[in-house]
Protein backbone atom coordinates (compact mmCIF):
# COMPACT_ATOMS: atom_id res chain seq x y z
CA MET A 1 61.16 34.11 6.35
CA PRO A 2 61.34 38.46 5.94
CA ARG A 3 59.70 39.84 2.82
CA TYR A 4 61.96 42.62 1.62
CA ASP A 5 59.99 45.44 -0.74
CA PHE A 6 62.31 47.02 -3.84
CA LYS A 7 61.42 49.80 -6.61
CA CYS A 8 63.20 49.32 -10.53
CA ARG A 9 64.69 52.61 -11.12
CA GLU A 10 64.32 52.18 -14.76
CA CYS A 11 60.41 51.75 -14.83
CA GLY A 12 59.26 52.95 -11.26
CA HIS A 13 57.30 49.04 -10.57
CA THR A 14 57.67 48.11 -6.84
CA PHE A 15 57.82 44.49 -5.69
CA GLU A 16 58.69 41.98 -3.31
CA LEU A 17 60.62 38.94 -2.36
CA SER A 18 61.00 36.63 0.29
CA ARG A 19 64.34 35.87 1.26
CA PRO A 20 66.55 34.53 4.01
CA MET A 21 68.19 37.19 6.39
CA SER A 22 72.00 36.81 5.18
CA GLU A 23 70.65 37.11 1.36
CA ALA A 24 68.81 41.17 2.79
CA SER A 25 71.87 43.12 0.68
CA ALA A 26 71.96 40.75 -2.22
CA ALA A 27 70.74 42.54 -5.57
CA ALA A 28 67.11 42.03 -6.84
CA PRO A 29 66.28 41.74 -10.47
CA CYS A 30 62.74 43.59 -11.93
CA PRO A 31 60.60 41.42 -12.54
CA HIS A 32 59.82 43.17 -15.52
CA GLY A 33 63.84 42.54 -16.31
CA HIS A 34 65.70 45.67 -15.89
CA ALA A 35 68.90 45.35 -13.42
CA ASP A 36 69.14 48.52 -11.56
CA THR A 37 66.66 48.48 -8.60
CA VAL A 38 67.09 49.48 -5.07
CA LYS A 39 65.93 48.87 -1.62
CA LEU A 40 63.07 50.61 0.02
CA LEU A 41 62.41 50.73 3.90
CA SER A 42 59.69 48.99 4.91
CA THR A 43 57.38 49.38 8.06
CA PHE A 44 55.20 46.87 9.57
CA GLY A 45 52.73 46.80 12.58
CA VAL A 46 52.89 43.61 14.93
CA THR A 47 49.10 42.27 15.75
CA ARG A 48 47.92 39.41 18.44
CA GLY A 49 45.07 37.16 17.89
CA GLY A 50 42.56 37.64 15.68
CA GLY A 51 44.54 40.86 14.11
CA ALA A 52 43.74 43.35 16.83
CA PRO A 53 46.66 45.32 18.31
CA ALA A 54 48.46 43.58 20.91
CA ALA A 55 47.71 46.95 23.14
CA ALA A 56 43.82 46.45 22.46
CA ALA A 57 44.08 42.73 22.86
CA ALA A 58 44.07 43.34 26.76
CA PRO A 59 40.87 44.78 28.68
CA ALA A 60 41.99 48.09 30.56
CA PRO A 61 42.11 47.37 34.47
CA ALA A 62 39.26 47.61 36.77
CA SER A 63 39.97 51.19 39.15
CA GLY A 64 40.05 50.28 42.62
CA GLY A 65 41.79 49.84 45.38
CA GLY A 66 44.60 47.57 46.42
CA CYS A 67 47.81 46.79 45.64
CA CYS A 68 47.18 45.27 41.73
CA GLY A 69 44.22 48.08 40.85
CA GLY A 70 41.29 45.38 41.40
CA GLY A 71 40.55 45.53 44.88
CA CYS A 72 41.63 42.04 45.38
CA CYS A 73 45.06 42.17 47.54
CA GLY A 74 43.06 45.18 50.03
């Protein structure tokens, strides 16, 4: 379930809510009881396996001849 970040305009508190995408635009009251909140733009990173970035998960191809770069085709 996606998580959305919000900020209260009254007290400045930022908080996070998990909710279905169908409710992404619904109002989110501040945990401190204030109603004037705004949804923040969030950024995130995608990782694979043990937490390494996807680009770093595979080793660099070996240099050499052949069509596949590893010398196995030539």
